[in-house]
Amino acid sequence: MKGAECAWLAMKFICPSCGVKEEVIADRSPRCLKCRTPMLGAMAGYTGLWMSPSFVIHRMAKIVETYGLPEATSNRRFQQEREAWSTAVWALGQAEVTGRHQWVEIETQNQTPDTRVHFLDQSTGDNVINTTSVEVVDWEEHVADLMEIIGNKCKKAYPAHFMLLICGRSGKTINANETAAEIGQLKVPFAEVWLIGYADDSKMKVHVARLYPELGHNSFDLPSVVLKWEKQMAFGKPLQRGRGTELHQLGDSYLPIP
């Protein structure tokens, strides 16, 4: 009886042609009522899903467009999306430096890390997954000193391979050399500490700066880089194949906004 009841649950669909969204009961292969195009069913969620950085950034822009900037940047409902956006900006910076496709994964099973960034290393002839586990924190306007955030994070226990990624939302600037020196005085549990932020009020150019263990930085025009890497497939899932890993690219899929 329980299985019969589940079969009648409504499922979300979207038309890839005209964008019409519907909730459909029973029919798992519906056609759009407007244009008769086969519709895409909604994916179950973020678990095990790799997303391209460009898709993640477009997704956050859609949330801002739909709900407004204050809601998108403060409501806990969108916390995972905000953390994914910060991670995607960092990942695009890595893509620009390395030339490799990066993938963002939101952690859904455990409390930490917040996100992961993956790329497939093919240098050995196999597809070997290289993963960075990311703890994301915002530097908000009400916090005057960045070191307050870093100090609090360093007091906690994290696995040594974790990276701390700070998203600068305060509008404040730092002296990178001085901040790096202060971090060096702490017992840092992270493998790396990074800071990202907009370069000016236009919110076009971003800075991506490594503050620990060595200084490093990269700047780029965000809309241009998002566009450059848009050809990367939006979604993928890793599949084990022999000694290596094959990335199954999911093609056209529908991931509803929470």
C-alpha atoms as a PDB file:
ATOM      1  CA  MET A   1       0.000   0.000   0.000  1.00  0.00           C
ATOM      2  CA  LYS A   2       2.842   2.330   0.875  1.00  0.00           C
ATOM      3  CA  GLY A   3       4.402   1.778  -2.574  1.00  0.00           C
ATOM      4  CA  ALA A   4       1.088   2.513  -4.260  1.00  0.00           C
ATOM      5  CA  GLU A   5       0.746   5.740  -2.305  1.00  0.00           C
ATOM      6  CA  CYS A   6       4.274   6.850  -3.304  1.00  0.00           C
ATOM      7  CA  ALA A   7       3.431   6.341  -6.972  1.00  0.00           C
ATOM      8  CA  TRP A   8       0.843   9.076  -6.734  1.00  0.00           C
ATOM      9  CA  LEU A   9       3.081  11.700  -5.156  1.00  0.00           C
ATOM     10  CA  ALA A  10       3.460  14.913  -7.147  1.00  0.00           C
ATOM     11  CA  MET A  11       6.825  15.443  -8.828  1.00  0.00           C
ATOM     12  CA  LYS A  12       8.237  18.719 -10.128  1.00  0.00           C
ATOM     13  CA  PHE A  13       8.986  19.105 -13.852  1.00  0.00           C
ATOM     14  CA  ILE A  14      10.224  21.881 -16.120  1.00  0.00           C
ATOM     15  CA  CYS A  15       9.913  22.305 -19.869  1.00  0.00           C
ATOM     16  CA  PRO A  16      13.399  22.716 -21.422  1.00  0.00           C
ATOM     17  CA  SER A  17      11.843  24.553 -24.357  1.00  0.00           C
ATOM     18  CA  CYS A  18       9.530  27.214 -22.885  1.00  0.00           C
ATOM     19  CA  GLY A  19      10.451  27.052 -19.178  1.00  0.00           C
ATOM     20  CA  VAL A  20       6.984  26.141 -17.881  1.00  0.00           C
ATOM     21  CA  LYS A  21       7.133  24.486 -14.440  1.00  0.00           C
ATOM     22  CA  GLU A  22       4.538  21.968 -13.288  1.00  0.00           C
ATOM     23  CA  GLU A  23       3.878  19.502 -10.487  1.00  0.00           C
ATOM     24  CA  VAL A  24       2.614  16.279 -12.042  1.00  0.00           C
ATOM     25  CA  ILE A  25       0.934  13.354 -10.297  1.00  0.00           C
ATOM     26  CA  ALA A  26       1.493   9.752 -11.470  1.00  0.00           C
ATOM     27  CA  ASP A  27       2.878  10.551 -14.954  1.00  0.00           C
ATOM     28  CA  ARG A  28       6.682  10.283 -14.863  1.00  0.00           C
ATOM     29  CA  SER A  29       7.169  11.210 -18.537  1.00  0.00           C
ATOM     30  CA  PRO A  30       4.858  14.188 -19.056  1.00  0.00           C
ATOM     31  CA  ARG A  31       4.833  16.577 -21.985  1.00  0.00           C
ATOM     32  CA  CYS A  32       4.514  20.327 -21.597  1.00  0.00           C
ATOM     33  CA  LEU A  33       0.884  21.398 -21.796  1.00  0.00           C
ATOM     34  CA  LYS A  34       1.942  24.551 -23.648  1.00  0.00           C
ATOM     35  CA  CYS A  35       4.351  23.281 -26.326  1.00  0.00           C
ATOM     36  CA  ARG A  36       4.192  19.461 -25.965  1.00  0.00           C
ATOM     37  CA  THR A  37       7.953  19.161 -25.374  1.00  0.00           C
ATOM     38  CA  PRO A  38       8.998  16.240 -23.092  1.00  0.00           C
ATOM     39  CA  MET A  39       9.619  17.729 -19.647  1.00  0.00           C
ATOM     40  CA  LEU A  40      12.602  17.297 -17.329  1.00  0.00           C
ATOM     41  CA  GLY A  41      11.978  15.798 -13.898  1.00  0.00           C
ATOM     42  CA  ALA A  42      13.507  17.381 -10.822  1.00  0.00           C
ATOM     43  CA  MET A  43      16.623  15.820  -9.350  1.00  0.00           C
ATOM     44  CA  ALA A  44      16.388  14.619  -5.749  1.00  0.00           C
ATOM     45  CA  GLY A  45      18.868  17.162  -4.350  1.00  0.00           C
ATOM     46  CA  TYR A  46      22.558  17.875  -3.871  1.00  0.00           C
ATOM     47  CA  THR A  47      23.712  14.520  -2.475  1.00  0.00           C
ATOM     48  CA  GLY A  48      26.574  13.136  -4.565  1.00  0.00           C
ATOM     49  CA  LEU A  49      26.024  15.797  -7.225  1.00  0.00           C
ATOM     50  CA  TRP A  50      28.945  17.630  -8.828  1.00  0.00           C
ATOM     51  CA  MET A  51      28.048  21.045 -10.242  1.00  0.00           C
ATOM     52  CA  SER A  52      30.038  23.294 -12.541  1.00  0.00           C
ATOM     53  CA  PRO A  53      31.125  26.587 -10.913  1.00  0.00           C
ATOM     54  CA  SER A  54      29.373  28.582 -13.644  1.00  0.00           C
ATOM     55  CA  PHE A  55      26.086  26.789 -12.945  1.00  0.00           C
ATOM     56  CA  VAL A  56      26.429  27.455  -9.201  1.00  0.00           C
ATOM     57  CA  ILE A  57      26.983  31.175  -9.781  1.00  0.00           C
ATOM     58  CA  HIS A  58      24.057  31.422 -12.205  1.00  0.00           C
ATOM     59  CA  ARG A  59      21.906  29.573  -9.663  1.00  0.00           C
ATOM     60  CA  MET A  60      22.699  32.092  -6.922  1.00  0.00           C
ATOM     61  CA  ALA A  61      21.961  34.954  -9.334  1.00  0.00           C
ATOM     62  CA  LYS A  62      18.553  33.388  -9.986  1.00  0.00           C
ATOM     63  CA  ILE A  63      17.875  33.195  -6.250  1.00  0.00           C
ATOM     64  CA  VAL A  64      18.753  36.890  -5.882  1.00  0.00           C
ATOM     65  CA  GLU A  65      16.523  37.718  -8.846  1.00  0.00           C
ATOM     66  CA  THR A  66      13.611  35.713  -7.419  1.00  0.00           C
ATOM     67  CA  TYR A  67      13.804  36.561  -3.717  1.00  0.00           C
ATOM     68  CA  GLY A  68      15.825  39.790  -3.575  1.00  0.00           C
ATOM     69  CA  LEU A  69      19.370  40.410  -2.356  1.00  0.00           C
ATOM     70  CA  PRO A  70      18.610  40.801   1.398  1.00  0.00           C
ATOM     71  CA  GLU A  71      16.708  37.503   1.505  1.00  0.00           C
ATOM     72  CA  ALA A  72      19.236  35.637  -0.622  1.00  0.00           C
ATOM     73  CA  THR A  73      22.203  36.796   1.452  1.00  0.00           C
ATOM     74  CA  SER A  74      20.742  36.364   4.952  1.00  0.00           C
ATOM     75  CA  ASN A  75      18.045  33.672   5.026  1.00  0.00           C
ATOM     76  CA  ARG A  76      19.356  30.345   6.365  1.00  0.00           C
ATOM     77  CA  ARG A  77      17.211  28.682   3.704  1.00  0.00           C
ATOM     78  CA  PHE A  78      19.887  29.630   1.167  1.00  0.00           C
ATOM     79  CA  GLN A  79      22.968  29.003   3.303  1.00  0.00           C
ATOM     80  CA  GLN A  80      24.097  26.020   1.234  1.00  0.00           C
ATOM     81  CA  GLU A  81      23.708  28.039  -1.951  1.00  0.00           C
ATOM     82  CA  ARG A  82      25.759  30.916  -0.507  1.00  0.00           C
ATOM     83  CA  GLU A  83      28.527  28.534   0.564  1.00  0.00           C
ATOM     84  CA  ALA A  84      28.459  26.915  -2.859  1.00  0.00           C
ATOM     85  CA  TRP A  85      28.702  30.354  -4.527  1.00  0.00           C
ATOM     86  CA  SER A  86      31.819  31.253  -2.515  1.00  0.00           C
ATOM     87  CA  THR A  87      33.333  27.879  -3.349  1.00  0.00           C
ATOM     88  CA  ALA A  88      32.486  28.309  -7.038  1.00  0.00           C
ATOM     89  CA  VAL A  89      34.269  31.670  -7.197  1.00  0.00           C
ATOM     90  CA  TRP A  90      37.379  30.078  -5.682  1.00  0.00           C
ATOM     91  CA  ALA A  91      37.059  27.117  -8.056  1.00  0.00           C
ATOM     92  CA  LEU A  92      36.887  29.437 -11.075  1.00  0.00           C
ATOM     93  CA  GLY A  93      40.099  31.043  -9.885  1.00  0.00           C
ATOM     94  CA  GLN A  94      41.691  27.594  -9.793  1.00  0.00           C
ATOM     95  CA  ALA A  95      40.341  26.794 -13.257  1.00  0.00           C
ATOM     96  CA  GLU A  96      41.907  29.974 -14.617  1.00  0.00           C
ATOM     97  CA  VAL A  97      45.293  29.072 -13.141  1.00  0.00           C
ATOM     98  CA  THR A  98      45.344  25.332 -13.933  1.00  0.00           C
ATOM     99  CA  GLY A  99      43.146  25.150 -17.044  1.00  0.00           C
ATOM    100  CA  ARG A 100      41.260  22.213 -15.497  1.00  0.00           C
ATOM    101  CA  HIS A 101      37.509  21.825 -15.110  1.00  0.00           C
ATOM    102  CA  GLN A 102      36.555  22.167 -11.455  1.00  0.00           C
ATOM    103  CA  TRP A 103      33.410  20.732  -9.860  1.00  0.00           C
ATOM    104  CA  VAL A 104      31.595  21.935  -6.724  1.00  0.00           C
ATOM    105  CA  GLU A 105      29.844  19.503  -4.391  1.00  0.00           C
ATOM    106  CA  ILE A 106      27.676  20.539  -1.427  1.00  0.00           C
ATOM    107  CA  GLU A 107      28.066  18.319   1.632  1.00  0.00           C
ATOM    108  CA  THR A 108      24.662  16.959   2.719  1.00  0.00           C
ATOM    109  CA  GLN A 109      25.484  13.999   4.969  1.00  0.00           C
ATOM    110  CA  ASN A 110      27.963  15.384   7.507  1.00  0.00           C
ATOM    111  CA  GLN A 111      28.348  18.646   9.400  1.00  0.00           C
ATOM    112  CA  THR A 112      31.732  19.352   7.794  1.00  0.00           C
ATOM    113  CA  PRO A 113      33.096  20.248   5.328  1.00  0.00           C
ATOM    114  CA  ASP A 114      30.582  22.696   3.870  1.00  0.00           C
ATOM    115  CA  THR A 115      31.609  21.957   0.280  1.00  0.00           C
ATOM    116  CA  ARG A 116      34.149  20.095  -1.799  1.00  0.00           C
ATOM    117  CA  VAL A 117      35.936  21.018  -5.004  1.00  0.00           C
ATOM    118  CA  HIS A 118      36.929  18.186  -7.336  1.00  0.00           C
ATOM    119  CA  PHE A 119      38.943  17.859 -10.502  1.00  0.00           C
ATOM    120  CA  LEU A 120      39.928  14.740 -12.441  1.00  0.00           C
ATOM    121  CA  ASP A 121      43.693  14.304 -12.614  1.00  0.00           C
ATOM    122  CA  GLN A 122      44.576  12.413 -15.807  1.00  0.00           C
ATOM    123  CA  SER A 123      48.361  12.709 -15.503  1.00  0.00           C
ATOM    124  CA  THR A 124      48.744   8.977 -14.703  1.00  0.00           C
ATOM    125  CA  GLY A 125      46.531   7.835 -17.571  1.00  0.00           C
ATOM    126  CA  ASP A 126      43.543   7.240 -15.269  1.00  0.00           C
ATOM    127  CA  ASN A 127      40.865   9.643 -14.055  1.00  0.00           C
ATOM    128  CA  VAL A 128      41.932  10.161 -10.431  1.00  0.00           C
ATOM    129  CA  ILE A 129      39.724  12.401  -8.294  1.00  0.00           C
ATOM    130  CA  ASN A 130      41.599  15.235  -6.582  1.00  0.00           C
ATOM    131  CA  THR A 131      39.440  16.770  -3.846  1.00  0.00           C
ATOM    132  CA  THR A 132      39.673  19.887  -1.694  1.00  0.00           C
ATOM    133  CA  SER A 133      37.433  19.939   1.395  1.00  0.00           C
ATOM    134  CA  VAL A 134      36.251  23.477   2.100  1.00  0.00           C
ATOM    135  CA  GLU A 135      35.033  25.135   5.291  1.00  0.00           C
ATOM    136  CA  VAL A 136      33.257  28.367   4.278  1.00  0.00           C
ATOM    137  CA  VAL A 137      32.715  31.417   6.479  1.00  0.00           C
ATOM    138  CA  ASP A 138      31.474  34.945   5.702  1.00  0.00           C
ATOM    139  CA  TRP A 139      33.224  38.123   6.830  1.00  0.00           C
ATOM    140  CA  GLU A 140      30.182  40.295   7.521  1.00  0.00           C
ATOM    141  CA  GLU A 141      29.934  44.068   8.047  1.00  0.00           C
ATOM    142  CA  HIS A 142      29.488  43.807  11.820  1.00  0.00           C
ATOM    143  CA  VAL A 143      32.915  42.158  12.235  1.00  0.00           C
ATOM    144  CA  ALA A 144      35.635  44.808  12.168  1.00  0.00           C
ATOM    145  CA  ASP A 145      38.716  42.581  12.130  1.00  0.00           C
ATOM    146  CA  LEU A 146      39.206  39.605   9.810  1.00  0.00           C
ATOM    147  CA  MET A 147      41.541  38.028  12.373  1.00  0.00           C
ATOM    148  CA  GLU A 148      38.600  37.666  14.750  1.00  0.00           C
ATOM    149  CA  ILE A 149      37.011  35.232  12.301  1.00  0.00           C
ATOM    150  CA  ILE A 150      40.227  33.394  11.537  1.00  0.00           C
ATOM    151  CA  GLY A 151      41.170  33.173  15.216  1.00  0.00           C
ATOM    152  CA  ASN A 152      37.796  31.696  16.166  1.00  0.00           C
ATOM    153  CA  LYS A 153      38.006  29.120  13.376  1.00  0.00           C
ATOM    154  CA  CYS A 154      41.551  28.159  14.357  1.00  0.00           C
ATOM    155  CA  LYS A 155      40.420  27.378  17.912  1.00  0.00           C
ATOM    156  CA  LYS A 156      38.317  24.509  16.587  1.00  0.00           C
ATOM    157  CA  ALA A 157      39.464  21.075  15.501  1.00  0.00           C
ATOM    158  CA  TYR A 158      39.422  20.404  11.755  1.00  0.00           C
ATOM    159  CA  PRO A 159      41.093  17.675   9.694  1.00  0.00           C
ATOM    160  CA  ALA A 160      44.503  18.848   8.500  1.00  0.00           C
ATOM    161  CA  HIS A 161      43.526  18.616   4.817  1.00  0.00           C
ATOM    162  CA  PHE A 162      40.615  21.083   5.153  1.00  0.00           C
ATOM    163  CA  MET A 163      40.817  24.524   3.575  1.00  0.00           C
ATOM    164  CA  LEU A 164      39.300  27.643   5.168  1.00  0.00           C
ATOM    165  CA  LEU A 165      37.591  29.886   2.609  1.00  0.00           C
ATOM    166  CA  ILE A 166      36.501  33.340   3.775  1.00  0.00           C
ATOM    167  CA  CYS A 167      34.025  35.313   1.686  1.00  0.00           C
ATOM    168  CA  GLY A 168      34.517  39.040   2.241  1.00  0.00           C
ATOM    169  CA  ARG A 169      31.097  40.702   2.532  1.00  0.00           C
ATOM    170  CA  SER A 170      32.142  43.463   4.916  1.00  0.00           C
ATOM    171  CA  GLY A 171      33.345  46.011   2.353  1.00  0.00           C
ATOM    172  CA  LYS A 172      36.597  46.302   4.317  1.00  0.00           C
ATOM    173  CA  THR A 173      40.119  45.833   2.982  1.00  0.00           C
ATOM    174  CA  ILE A 174      43.169  44.179   4.509  1.00  0.00           C
ATOM    175  CA  ASN A 175      46.937  44.360   4.271  1.00  0.00           C
ATOM    176  CA  ALA A 176      47.649  40.850   3.007  1.00  0.00           C
ATOM    177  CA  ASN A 177      51.245  40.767   4.275  1.00  0.00           C
ATOM    178  CA  GLU A 178      50.263  41.837   7.784  1.00  0.00           C
ATOM    179  CA  THR A 179      47.312  39.427   7.897  1.00  0.00           C
ATOM    180  CA  ALA A 180      49.477  36.545   6.698  1.00  0.00           C
ATOM    181  CA  ALA A 181      52.033  37.339   9.408  1.00  0.00           C
ATOM    182  CA  GLU A 182      49.300  37.339  12.081  1.00  0.00           C
ATOM    183  CA  ILE A 183      47.942  34.001  10.853  1.00  0.00           C
ATOM    184  CA  GLY A 184      51.461  32.610  11.064  1.00  0.00           C
ATOM    185  CA  GLN A 185      51.426  33.275  14.810  1.00  0.00           C
ATOM    186  CA  LEU A 186      48.387  31.012  15.285  1.00  0.00           C
ATOM    187  CA  LYS A 187      48.111  27.254  15.547  1.00  0.00           C
ATOM    188  CA  VAL A 188      46.330  26.799  12.221  1.00  0.00           C
ATOM    189  CA  PRO A 189      44.426  23.521  11.768  1.00  0.00           C
ATOM    190  CA  PHE A 190      43.855  24.144   8.044  1.00  0.00           C
ATOM    191  CA  ALA A 191      46.044  23.218   5.104  1.00  0.00           C
ATOM    192  CA  GLU A 192      45.272  26.582   3.502  1.00  0.00           C
ATOM    193  CA  VAL A 193      43.426  29.833   4.265  1.00  0.00           C
ATOM    194  CA  TRP A 194      41.895  31.822   1.384  1.00  0.00           C
ATOM    195  CA  LEU A 195      39.966  35.085   1.117  1.00  0.00           C
ATOM    196  CA  ILE A 196      37.686  36.052  -1.767  1.00  0.00           C
ATOM    197  CA  GLY A 197      35.927  39.358  -2.340  1.00  0.00           C
ATOM    198  CA  TYR A 198      34.831  41.921  -4.881  1.00  0.00           C
ATOM    199  CA  ALA A 199      37.440  44.440  -5.961  1.00  0.00           C
ATOM    200  CA  ASP A 200      34.944  47.329  -6.172  1.00  0.00           C
ATOM    201  CA  ASP A 201      31.263  48.226  -5.957  1.00  0.00           C
ATOM    202  CA  SER A 202      30.610  47.112  -9.536  1.00  0.00           C
ATOM    203  CA  LYS A 203      30.829  43.487  -8.355  1.00  0.00           C
ATOM    204  CA  MET A 204      32.480  42.522 -11.610  1.00  0.00           C
ATOM    205  CA  LYS A 205      36.109  41.946 -10.642  1.00  0.00           C
ATOM    206  CA  VAL A 206      36.973  39.568  -7.803  1.00  0.00           C
ATOM    207  CA  HIS A 207      40.155  38.985  -5.833  1.00  0.00           C
ATOM    208  CA  VAL A 208      41.080  35.472  -4.728  1.00  0.00           C
ATOM    209  CA  ALA A 209      43.918  35.591  -2.185  1.00  0.00           C
ATOM    210  CA  ARG A 210      45.751  32.819  -0.350  1.00  0.00           C
ATOM    211  CA  LEU A 211      46.803  33.981   3.106  1.00  0.00           C
ATOM    212  CA  TYR A 212      48.287  30.723   4.453  1.00  0.00           C
ATOM    213  CA  PRO A 213      50.690  28.935   4.273  1.00  0.00           C
ATOM    214  CA  GLU A 214      52.159  31.192   1.558  1.00  0.00           C
ATOM    215  CA  LEU A 215      50.816  34.361   0.045  1.00  0.00           C
ATOM    216  CA  GLY A 216      49.316  34.191  -3.417  1.00  0.00           C
ATOM    217  CA  HIS A 217      46.580  35.954  -5.315  1.00  0.00           C
ATOM    218  CA  ASN A 218      44.573  36.067  -8.507  1.00  0.00           C
ATOM    219  CA  SER A 219      42.097  38.628  -9.870  1.00  0.00           C
ATOM    220  CA  PHE A 220      39.604  38.196 -12.676  1.00  0.00           C
ATOM    221  CA  ASP A 221      36.442  39.625 -14.181  1.00  0.00           C
ATOM    222  CA  LEU A 222      33.756  37.313 -12.782  1.00  0.00           C
ATOM    223  CA  PRO A 223      31.108  37.573 -15.554  1.00  0.00           C
ATOM    224  CA  SER A 224      33.747  36.972 -18.250  1.00  0.00           C
ATOM    225  CA  VAL A 225      35.205  33.935 -16.493  1.00  0.00           C
ATOM    226  CA  VAL A 226      31.752  32.486 -15.763  1.00  0.00           C
ATOM    227  CA  LEU A 227      30.974  32.818 -19.469  1.00  0.00           C
ATOM    228  CA  LYS A 228      34.312  31.287 -20.455  1.00  0.00           C
ATOM    229  CA  TRP A 229      33.685  28.122 -18.417  1.00  0.00           C
ATOM    230  CA  GLU A 230      29.958  27.815 -19.227  1.00  0.00           C
ATOM    231  CA  LYS A 231      30.674  25.143 -21.844  1.00  0.00           C
ATOM    232  CA  GLN A 232      31.468  22.758 -18.997  1.00  0.00           C
ATOM    233  CA  MET A 233      28.514  20.421 -18.392  1.00  0.00           C
ATOM    234  CA  ALA A 234      26.386  21.674 -15.495  1.00  0.00           C
ATOM    235  CA  PHE A 235      26.081  18.365 -13.597  1.00  0.00           C
ATOM    236  CA  GLY A 236      28.110  15.203 -13.159  1.00  0.00           C
ATOM    237  CA  LYS A 237      28.414  12.165 -10.896  1.00  0.00           C
ATOM    238  CA  PRO A 238      31.573  10.061 -10.477  1.00  0.00           C
ATOM    239  CA  LEU A 239      31.396   6.372 -11.409  1.00  0.00           C
ATOM    240  CA  GLN A 240      34.112   3.882 -10.531  1.00  0.00           C
ATOM    241  CA  ARG A 241      35.518   2.168 -13.625  1.00  0.00           C
ATOM    242  CA  GLY A 242      38.381  -0.268 -13.008  1.00  0.00           C
ATOM    243  CA  ARG A 243      41.442   1.522 -11.665  1.00  0.00           C
ATOM    244  CA  GLY A 244      40.198   5.001 -12.533  1.00  0.00           C
ATOM    245  CA  THR A 245      37.035   7.034 -12.252  1.00  0.00           C
ATOM    246  CA  GLU A 246      34.648   7.975 -15.011  1.00  0.00           C
ATOM    247  CA  LEU A 247      32.600  11.146 -14.677  1.00  0.00           C
ATOM    248  CA  HIS A 248      29.048  10.533 -15.792  1.00  0.00           C
ATOM    249  CA  GLN A 249      27.790  13.847 -17.160  1.00  0.00           C
ATOM    250  CA  LEU A 250      24.068  14.149 -16.550  1.00  0.00           C
ATOM    251  CA  GLY A 251      23.215  16.409 -19.487  1.00  0.00           C
ATOM    252  CA  ASP A 252      19.984  18.386 -19.347  1.00  0.00           C
ATOM    253  CA  SER A 253      18.643  18.133 -15.811  1.00  0.00           C
ATOM    254  CA  TYR A 254      16.394  20.139 -13.510  1.00  0.00           C
ATOM    255  CA  LEU A 255      17.514  21.157 -10.015  1.00  0.00           C
ATOM    256  CA  PRO A 256      14.764  23.306  -8.437  1.00  0.00           C
ATOM    257  CA  ILE A 257      15.693  26.251  -6.231  1.00  0.00           C
ATOM    258  CA  PRO A 258      15.049  25.326  -2.563  1.00  0.00           C
END
